[in-house]
Amino acid sequence: MYGRAKAPAAGTILNALATGVGSAFAIDMTTTAEVELDDSGEVRGEIADAPDADARLIERCAELALDVEDEEFGATVRTESDVPMASGLKSSSAAANATVLATLSALDIEMRREDACRLGVQAARDVGVTVTGAFDDASASMLGGVTVTDNSADELLARDEVDWDVLVWSPPEQSFSADADVSRCERVAPMAELVAELALDGEYGRAMTVNGFAFCGALGFSADPMVEALPDVAGVSLSGTGPSYVAVGGRGVLEDVRERWNSLEGTTWLTTTQTDGTRTT
């Protein structure tokens, strides 16, 4: 019994660490999960090109999905990704979503994607890789497009489809969401509330830019990459808890910004939004 699924990464519109309300949008960078069931009763996780990486998240995702069937299956889970780990591009959410859907596919179980998404969020909480549960990031990756969520209740407040070109700059360092200084983030709650209002009004570009300046300050990242992108782009932000930055706008504008960001150490990608979300393949 075998299943395979592919999930997109995501960029940040509103970081949920300040108030519990968050917003993200799916990006056409993907993580693929393959799940093969067996009768061992154990779940084993493997991450391609990172044999020493912590596989507890994908193992827990498979376990929770297997519990839906309530049978004593074992499984081998293998993930492969275009998304750099611990970069603020929701690699954990993508891996969780892909693993859950691949496992359900192997079991031949159909589930509403919002509910499948919540399994991955629970797994992330169980293994401690997230502070908020990251339902905003996970829902954007699972459903595609833009989502706005209340992470304290795992509630989807809004979803919209967008068609943007997207520029990503990812520095070589890593930043783990679970290590973020939540108390400093909570100090920018008034700005986060403004961002939430803008996002719910569909003003995504302005929302993410305000978010970026607020959370660069709260999390100790430089706002210089954002300033380098303004005023030409439609929106730019620190993504998640960093260290990556994302900008949206016209392709020509983003190509100009890429030339400036290419002078920084790290890697840039020019890609697009993704509206299909996570899918079995």
Protein backbone atom coordinates (compact mmCIF):
# COMPACT_ATOMS: atom_id res chain seq x y z
CA MET A 1 0.00 0.00 0.00
CA TYR A 2 1.59 3.20 -1.24
CA GLY A 3 0.76 6.91 -1.35
CA ARG A 4 2.46 10.01 -2.69
CA ALA A 5 1.59 13.70 -2.27
CA LYS A 6 3.12 17.07 -3.04
CA ALA A 7 2.69 20.24 -0.95
CA PRO A 8 3.72 23.85 -1.66
CA ALA A 9 5.78 26.14 0.53
CA ALA A 10 4.30 29.44 1.71
CA GLY A 11 5.25 33.03 2.42
CA THR A 12 4.04 35.23 5.25
CA ILE A 13 1.49 38.01 5.17
CA LEU A 14 0.93 38.10 8.95
CA ASN A 15 3.03 36.35 11.57
CA ALA A 16 0.68 34.80 14.14
CA LEU A 17 3.09 35.03 17.07
CA ALA A 18 1.77 38.42 18.22
CA THR A 19 -1.97 37.76 18.47
CA GLY A 20 -2.67 34.21 17.27
CA VAL A 21 -4.13 35.48 13.99
CA GLY A 22 -1.96 34.76 10.98
CA SER A 23 -1.97 34.84 7.21
CA ALA A 24 0.14 33.18 4.53
CA PHE A 25 0.13 32.44 0.80
CA ALA A 26 1.20 29.33 -1.08
CA ILE A 27 4.35 29.50 -3.23
CA ASP A 28 5.29 27.23 -6.12
CA MET A 29 8.16 25.51 -4.30
CA THR A 30 7.29 21.99 -3.21
CA THR A 31 7.88 19.12 -0.81
CA THR A 32 7.01 15.58 -1.86
CA ALA A 33 6.20 12.74 0.54
CA GLU A 34 6.06 9.04 -0.28
CA VAL A 35 4.52 6.61 2.21
CA GLU A 36 4.75 2.83 2.01
CA LEU A 37 2.69 0.86 4.51
CA ASP A 38 3.77 -2.43 6.07
CA ASP A 39 2.81 -4.69 8.97
CA SER A 40 5.70 -3.71 11.27
CA GLY A 41 3.62 -1.50 13.55
CA GLU A 42 6.41 1.13 13.47
CA VAL A 43 6.75 4.38 11.55
CA ARG A 44 10.14 5.37 10.16
CA GLY A 45 10.91 8.73 8.57
CA GLU A 46 13.61 9.60 6.06
CA ILE A 47 14.46 13.07 4.73
CA ALA A 48 16.25 13.08 1.39
CA ASP A 49 19.72 14.69 1.36
CA ALA A 50 19.54 15.15 5.15
CA PRO A 51 20.06 11.73 6.76
CA ASP A 52 20.71 13.28 10.18
CA ALA A 53 17.70 15.62 10.12
CA ASP A 54 14.97 15.26 12.73
CA ALA A 55 12.20 13.17 11.18
CA ARG A 56 9.84 13.21 14.18
CA LEU A 57 7.36 15.55 12.49
CA ILE A 58 6.74 13.39 9.43
CA GLU A 59 6.69 10.26 11.60
CA ARG A 60 4.05 11.80 13.88
CA CYS A 61 2.01 12.94 10.86
CA ALA A 62 1.96 9.40 9.53
CA GLU A 63 1.03 8.03 12.97
CA LEU A 64 -1.94 10.39 13.31
CA ALA A 65 -3.13 9.59 9.79
CA LEU A 66 -2.80 5.86 10.49
CA ASP A 67 -4.87 6.31 13.65
CA VAL A 68 -7.79 7.38 11.45
CA GLU A 69 -7.95 3.80 10.17
CA ASP A 70 -7.30 2.44 13.68
CA GLU A 71 -5.24 -0.46 12.39
CA GLU A 72 -1.76 -1.57 13.40
CA PHE A 73 0.05 -0.60 10.23
CA GLY A 74 3.66 0.47 10.10
CA ALA A 75 5.06 2.82 7.49
CA THR A 76 8.15 4.22 5.88
CA VAL A 77 7.88 7.93 5.07
CA ARG A 78 10.32 9.62 2.70
CA THR A 79 10.28 13.34 1.94
CA GLU A 80 12.16 15.31 -0.67
CA SER A 81 11.98 19.08 -0.91
CA ASP A 82 12.86 22.18 -2.92
CA VAL A 83 12.21 24.22 0.23
CA PRO A 84 15.17 25.03 2.49
CA MET A 85 14.61 23.91 6.07
CA ALA A 86 14.27 26.43 8.94
CA SER A 87 14.14 29.32 6.48
CA GLY A 88 10.71 30.81 7.19
CA LEU A 89 9.19 29.29 4.04
CA LYS A 90 6.97 26.79 5.87
CA SER A 91 9.01 23.70 5.08
CA SER A 92 7.57 21.94 8.13
CA SER A 93 3.98 22.68 7.12
CA ALA A 94 4.64 21.47 3.59
CA ALA A 95 6.26 18.26 4.84
CA ALA A 96 3.41 17.66 7.27
CA ASN A 97 0.69 18.22 4.68
CA ALA A 98 2.38 16.04 2.08
CA THR A 99 2.92 13.25 4.62
CA VAL A 100 -0.67 13.30 5.89
CA LEU A 101 -2.20 13.20 2.41
CA ALA A 102 0.25 10.54 1.21
CA THR A 103 -0.59 8.35 4.22
CA LEU A 104 -4.33 8.80 3.76
CA SER A 105 -3.88 7.96 0.08
CA ALA A 106 -2.01 4.77 0.98
CA LEU A 107 -4.94 3.87 3.25
CA ASP A 108 -7.42 4.81 0.49
CA ILE A 109 -9.13 7.25 2.85
CA GLU A 110 -10.67 10.53 1.68
CA MET A 111 -10.75 13.42 4.15
CA ARG A 112 -11.64 17.11 3.88
CA ARG A 113 -8.39 18.92 3.30
CA GLU A 114 -9.01 21.32 6.19
CA ASP A 115 -9.32 18.34 8.52
CA ALA A 116 -6.23 16.68 7.04
CA CYS A 117 -4.40 19.95 7.59
CA ARG A 118 -5.37 19.90 11.26
CA LEU A 119 -3.73 16.47 11.64
CA GLY A 120 -0.42 17.97 10.51
CA VAL A 121 -0.87 20.94 12.83
CA GLN A 122 -1.48 18.59 15.75
CA ALA A 123 1.63 16.63 14.83
CA ALA A 124 3.68 19.84 14.78
CA ARG A 125 2.44 20.70 18.26
CA ASP A 126 3.08 17.16 19.50
CA VAL A 127 6.75 17.25 18.48
CA GLY A 128 7.33 20.89 19.44
CA VAL A 129 8.36 22.39 16.11
CA THR A 130 5.89 25.27 16.32
CA VAL A 131 4.76 27.81 18.89
CA THR A 132 1.35 28.71 17.42
CA GLY A 133 0.48 25.45 15.71
CA ALA A 134 1.02 27.25 12.40
CA PHE A 135 -2.50 26.68 11.08
CA ASP A 136 -2.02 29.80 8.93
CA ASP A 137 1.05 28.35 7.20
CA ALA A 138 -0.40 24.84 7.03
CA SER A 139 -3.74 25.98 5.61
CA ALA A 140 -2.07 28.07 2.89
CA SER A 141 0.04 25.06 1.92
CA MET A 142 -2.88 22.63 2.07
CA LEU A 143 -5.54 24.77 0.37
CA GLY A 144 -3.41 27.01 -1.86
CA GLY A 145 -3.87 30.74 -2.33
CA VAL A 146 -4.03 33.12 0.63
CA THR A 147 -5.49 32.11 3.97
CA VAL A 148 -6.19 34.10 7.13
CA THR A 149 -6.62 32.04 10.29
CA ASP A 150 -7.13 32.14 14.02
CA ASN A 151 -4.41 29.76 15.16
CA SER A 152 -5.69 29.61 18.72
CA ALA A 153 -8.82 27.86 17.44
CA ASP A 154 -7.44 26.36 14.20
CA GLU A 155 -10.18 28.34 12.45
CA LEU A 156 -10.07 29.44 8.82
CA LEU A 157 -11.23 33.06 8.71
CA ALA A 158 -10.79 33.68 4.98
CA ARG A 159 -9.31 32.19 1.82
CA ASP A 160 -8.60 33.94 -1.45
CA GLU A 161 -6.88 33.04 -4.71
CA VAL A 162 -4.11 35.33 -5.89
CA ASP A 163 -1.95 35.35 -9.00
CA TRP A 164 1.40 36.90 -8.14
CA ASP A 165 4.98 36.60 -9.17
CA VAL A 166 7.06 35.98 -6.06
CA LEU A 167 10.72 36.66 -5.26
CA VAL A 168 12.36 34.83 -2.37
CA TRP A 169 15.75 35.56 -0.81
CA SER A 170 16.99 32.93 1.63
CA PRO A 171 20.22 33.61 3.55
CA PRO A 172 22.47 30.67 4.45
CA GLU A 173 21.66 30.74 8.17
CA GLN A 174 18.66 28.98 9.71
CA SER A 175 16.01 30.18 12.15
CA PHE A 176 13.75 27.74 13.99
CA SER A 177 10.20 28.86 14.73
CA ALA A 178 10.16 27.14 18.11
CA ASP A 179 13.11 29.33 19.23
CA ALA A 180 11.38 32.66 18.47
CA ASP A 181 11.06 35.21 21.29
CA VAL A 182 7.28 35.21 21.66
CA SER A 183 7.23 37.95 24.31
CA ARG A 184 8.94 40.40 21.94
CA CYS A 185 6.52 39.46 19.19
CA GLU A 186 3.58 40.12 21.47
CA ARG A 187 4.81 43.70 21.91
CA VAL A 188 3.97 44.44 18.27
CA ALA A 189 0.38 43.21 18.68
CA PRO A 190 -1.14 46.60 17.68
CA MET A 191 0.68 46.39 14.35
CA ALA A 192 -0.39 42.76 13.94
CA GLU A 193 -4.01 43.76 14.49
CA LEU A 194 -3.66 46.39 11.75
CA VAL A 195 -2.13 43.79 9.43
CA ALA A 196 -5.03 41.42 10.11
CA GLU A 197 -7.53 44.15 9.19
CA LEU A 198 -5.66 44.86 5.95
CA ALA A 199 -5.47 41.16 5.07
CA LEU A 200 -9.17 40.58 5.72
CA ASP A 201 -9.87 43.57 3.45
CA GLY A 202 -7.78 41.98 0.70
CA GLU A 203 -4.93 44.52 1.03
CA TYR A 204 -2.33 41.75 1.08
CA GLY A 205 0.65 43.72 -0.22
CA ARG A 206 0.30 46.52 2.31
CA ALA A 207 -0.42 43.98 5.02
CA MET A 208 2.74 41.98 4.45
CA THR A 209 4.91 45.09 4.28
CA VAL A 210 3.66 46.39 7.62
CA ASN A 211 4.12 42.89 9.03
CA GLY A 212 7.68 42.76 7.73
CA PHE A 213 8.82 45.97 9.38
CA ALA A 214 7.12 45.05 12.66
CA PHE A 215 8.58 41.56 12.89
CA CYS A 216 12.04 42.49 11.63
CA GLY A 217 12.15 44.71 14.70
CA ALA A 218 10.65 42.14 17.04
CA LEU A 219 12.83 39.25 15.86
CA GLY A 220 16.06 41.18 15.34
CA PHE A 221 16.35 40.96 11.54
CA SER A 222 17.50 43.76 9.26
CA ALA A 223 14.83 45.62 7.31
CA ASP A 224 17.41 46.53 4.64
CA PRO A 225 16.26 43.83 2.15
CA MET A 226 12.73 45.22 2.42
CA VAL A 227 13.90 48.78 1.82
CA GLU A 228 15.89 47.56 -1.20
CA ALA A 229 12.64 46.18 -2.67
CA LEU A 230 10.49 49.26 -1.98
CA PRO A 231 8.67 51.21 -3.31
CA ASP A 232 8.42 49.20 -6.52
CA VAL A 233 7.06 45.88 -5.25
CA ALA A 234 3.44 45.34 -4.28
CA GLY A 235 4.49 43.89 -0.93
CA VAL A 236 7.55 42.57 0.88
CA SER A 237 8.07 40.91 4.25
CA LEU A 238 10.26 38.83 6.45
CA SER A 239 8.75 35.38 6.04
CA GLY A 240 7.78 33.59 9.22
CA THR A 241 10.46 33.92 11.89
CA GLY A 242 13.06 34.39 9.16
CA PRO A 243 15.61 34.45 7.85
CA SER A 244 14.02 34.49 4.36
CA TYR A 245 12.27 37.46 2.80
CA VAL A 246 9.49 37.36 0.20
CA ALA A 247 8.36 40.05 -2.23
CA VAL A 248 5.40 40.10 -4.63
CA GLY A 249 4.76 42.22 -7.69
CA GLY A 250 5.22 42.34 -11.44
CA ARG A 251 7.87 40.05 -12.89
CA GLY A 252 9.91 42.89 -14.37
CA VAL A 253 9.99 44.69 -11.02
CA LEU A 254 10.96 41.51 -9.19
CA GLU A 255 13.75 40.82 -11.69
CA ASP A 256 15.20 44.23 -10.82
CA VAL A 257 14.91 43.49 -7.11
CA ARG A 258 16.55 40.11 -7.65
CA GLU A 259 19.62 41.87 -9.04
CA ARG A 260 19.87 43.86 -5.81
CA TRP A 261 19.18 40.86 -3.58
CA ASN A 262 21.74 38.78 -5.51
CA SER A 263 24.44 40.96 -3.98
CA LEU A 264 23.49 39.48 -0.59
CA GLU A 265 24.85 36.16 0.61
CA GLY A 266 22.36 33.37 0.07
CA THR A 267 20.00 32.18 -2.66
CA THR A 268 17.21 33.91 -4.58
CA TRP A 269 14.27 32.29 -6.37
CA LEU A 270 11.81 33.89 -8.76
CA THR A 271 8.62 31.88 -8.72
CA THR A 272 4.84 32.31 -8.55
CA THR A 273 1.95 31.76 -6.21
CA GLN A 274 0.21 28.40 -6.12
CA THR A 275 -3.56 27.97 -5.83
CA ASP A 276 -4.02 24.19 -5.98
CA GLY A 277 -2.58 23.45 -2.55
CA THR A 278 -1.49 19.94 -1.51
CA ARG A 279 -2.39 17.12 -3.87
CA THR A 280 -1.84 13.40 -4.16
CA THR A 281 0.21 12.45 -7.21
